[in-house]
Amino acid sequence: MLPSRELAEIAVKALDSKKGKEIRLIRIDKITTLAEYFVICTGTSNTQINALCGAVEKALKEQAGEDPLRREGYRDGTWVLLDYGC
């Protein structure tokens, strides 16, 4: 398994490749034990949000062998949370 920073950077590159807006990589390990990093991104439509999620899932699977543990909000396409557990 790759370090969590590298996984987060893969996600950022995937989001950027699909023209995600306001992409932020936020280190949160000093304020919570929930995670080390959050990656936050804005999409301009439901279609783009689904494409952004697909790009992240594909990149993390191909480059790190990681699948999300959970995916929330995907059906609505207005917000999505991908939880990779690490």
Protein backbone atom coordinates (compact mmCIF):
# COMPACT_ATOMS: atom_id res chain seq x y z
CA MET A 1 0.00 0.00 0.00
CA LEU A 2 1.23 3.47 -0.88
CA PRO A 3 1.50 6.15 1.82
CA SER A 4 -1.71 8.14 2.26
CA ARG A 5 -0.10 11.32 0.90
CA GLU A 6 0.70 9.55 -2.39
CA LEU A 7 -2.84 8.16 -2.61
CA ALA A 8 -4.24 11.65 -2.07
CA GLU A 9 -1.96 13.07 -4.76
CA ILE A 10 -3.14 10.41 -7.22
CA ALA A 11 -6.72 11.48 -6.49
CA VAL A 12 -5.82 15.16 -7.02
CA LYS A 13 -4.23 14.43 -10.40
CA ALA A 14 -7.26 12.39 -11.46
CA LEU A 15 -9.61 15.22 -10.48
CA ASP A 16 -7.47 17.75 -12.32
CA SER A 17 -7.50 15.57 -15.45
CA LYS A 18 -11.31 15.87 -15.52
CA LYS A 19 -11.21 19.62 -14.95
CA GLY A 20 -12.40 19.55 -11.34
CA LYS A 21 -12.70 22.99 -9.76
CA GLU A 22 -11.33 24.22 -6.43
CA ILE A 23 -9.33 21.05 -5.77
CA ARG A 24 -7.94 21.03 -2.25
CA LEU A 25 -5.67 18.53 -0.54
CA ILE A 26 -6.03 19.14 3.18
CA ARG A 27 -3.92 17.47 5.84
CA ILE A 28 -6.14 16.83 8.86
CA ASP A 29 -4.21 14.32 10.98
CA LYS A 30 -3.34 16.99 13.55
CA ILE A 31 -7.01 17.69 14.30
CA THR A 32 -8.67 14.27 14.00
CA THR A 33 -7.93 10.55 13.92
CA LEU A 34 -10.57 10.12 11.22
CA ALA A 35 -8.09 10.48 8.36
CA GLU A 36 -4.75 11.96 7.40
CA TYR A 37 -5.96 13.80 4.30
CA PHE A 38 -9.17 15.04 2.75
CA VAL A 39 -9.34 15.77 -0.95
CA ILE A 40 -12.15 18.16 -1.81
CA CYS A 41 -13.25 19.14 -5.30
CA THR A 42 -16.14 20.93 -6.97
CA GLY A 43 -17.87 19.77 -10.13
CA THR A 44 -20.08 21.90 -12.36
CA SER A 45 -22.79 19.31 -13.12
CA ASN A 46 -24.02 15.88 -12.06
CA THR A 47 -22.36 14.41 -15.12
CA GLN A 48 -19.01 15.96 -14.26
CA ILE A 49 -19.27 14.88 -10.62
CA ASN A 50 -19.81 11.29 -11.73
CA ALA A 51 -16.87 11.58 -14.16
CA LEU A 52 -14.66 12.98 -11.38
CA CYS A 53 -15.52 10.03 -9.14
CA GLY A 54 -14.89 7.58 -11.93
CA ALA A 55 -11.50 9.12 -12.64
CA VAL A 56 -10.45 8.90 -8.98
CA GLU A 57 -11.64 5.31 -8.64
CA LYS A 58 -9.89 4.26 -11.84
CA ALA A 59 -6.61 6.01 -10.98
CA LEU A 60 -6.44 4.64 -7.44
CA LYS A 61 -7.27 1.13 -8.65
CA GLU A 62 -4.73 1.17 -11.49
CA GLN A 63 -1.89 2.98 -9.71
CA ALA A 64 -2.31 1.74 -6.13
CA GLY A 65 -4.61 -1.29 -6.25
CA GLU A 66 -7.08 0.53 -3.98
CA ASP A 67 -10.87 0.29 -4.10
CA PRO A 68 -13.12 2.58 -2.05
CA LEU A 69 -14.53 1.07 1.14
CA ARG A 70 -17.65 3.19 0.77
CA ARG A 71 -19.23 5.50 -1.75
CA GLU A 72 -21.94 7.85 -0.50
CA GLY A 73 -24.16 10.25 -2.44
CA TYR A 74 -23.22 8.87 -5.86
CA ARG A 75 -26.78 8.22 -7.06
CA ASP A 76 -27.86 11.83 -6.64
CA GLY A 77 -24.72 13.16 -8.29
CA THR A 78 -24.84 16.42 -6.35
CA TRP A 79 -22.21 15.38 -3.80
CA VAL A 80 -20.13 12.25 -3.37
CA LEU A 81 -17.92 10.90 -0.63
CA LEU A 82 -15.35 8.24 -1.53
CA ASP A 83 -13.92 6.59 1.58
CA TYR A 84 -10.65 4.74 1.05
CA GLY A 85 -10.19 3.97 4.73
CA CYS A 86 -6.52 4.87 4.69
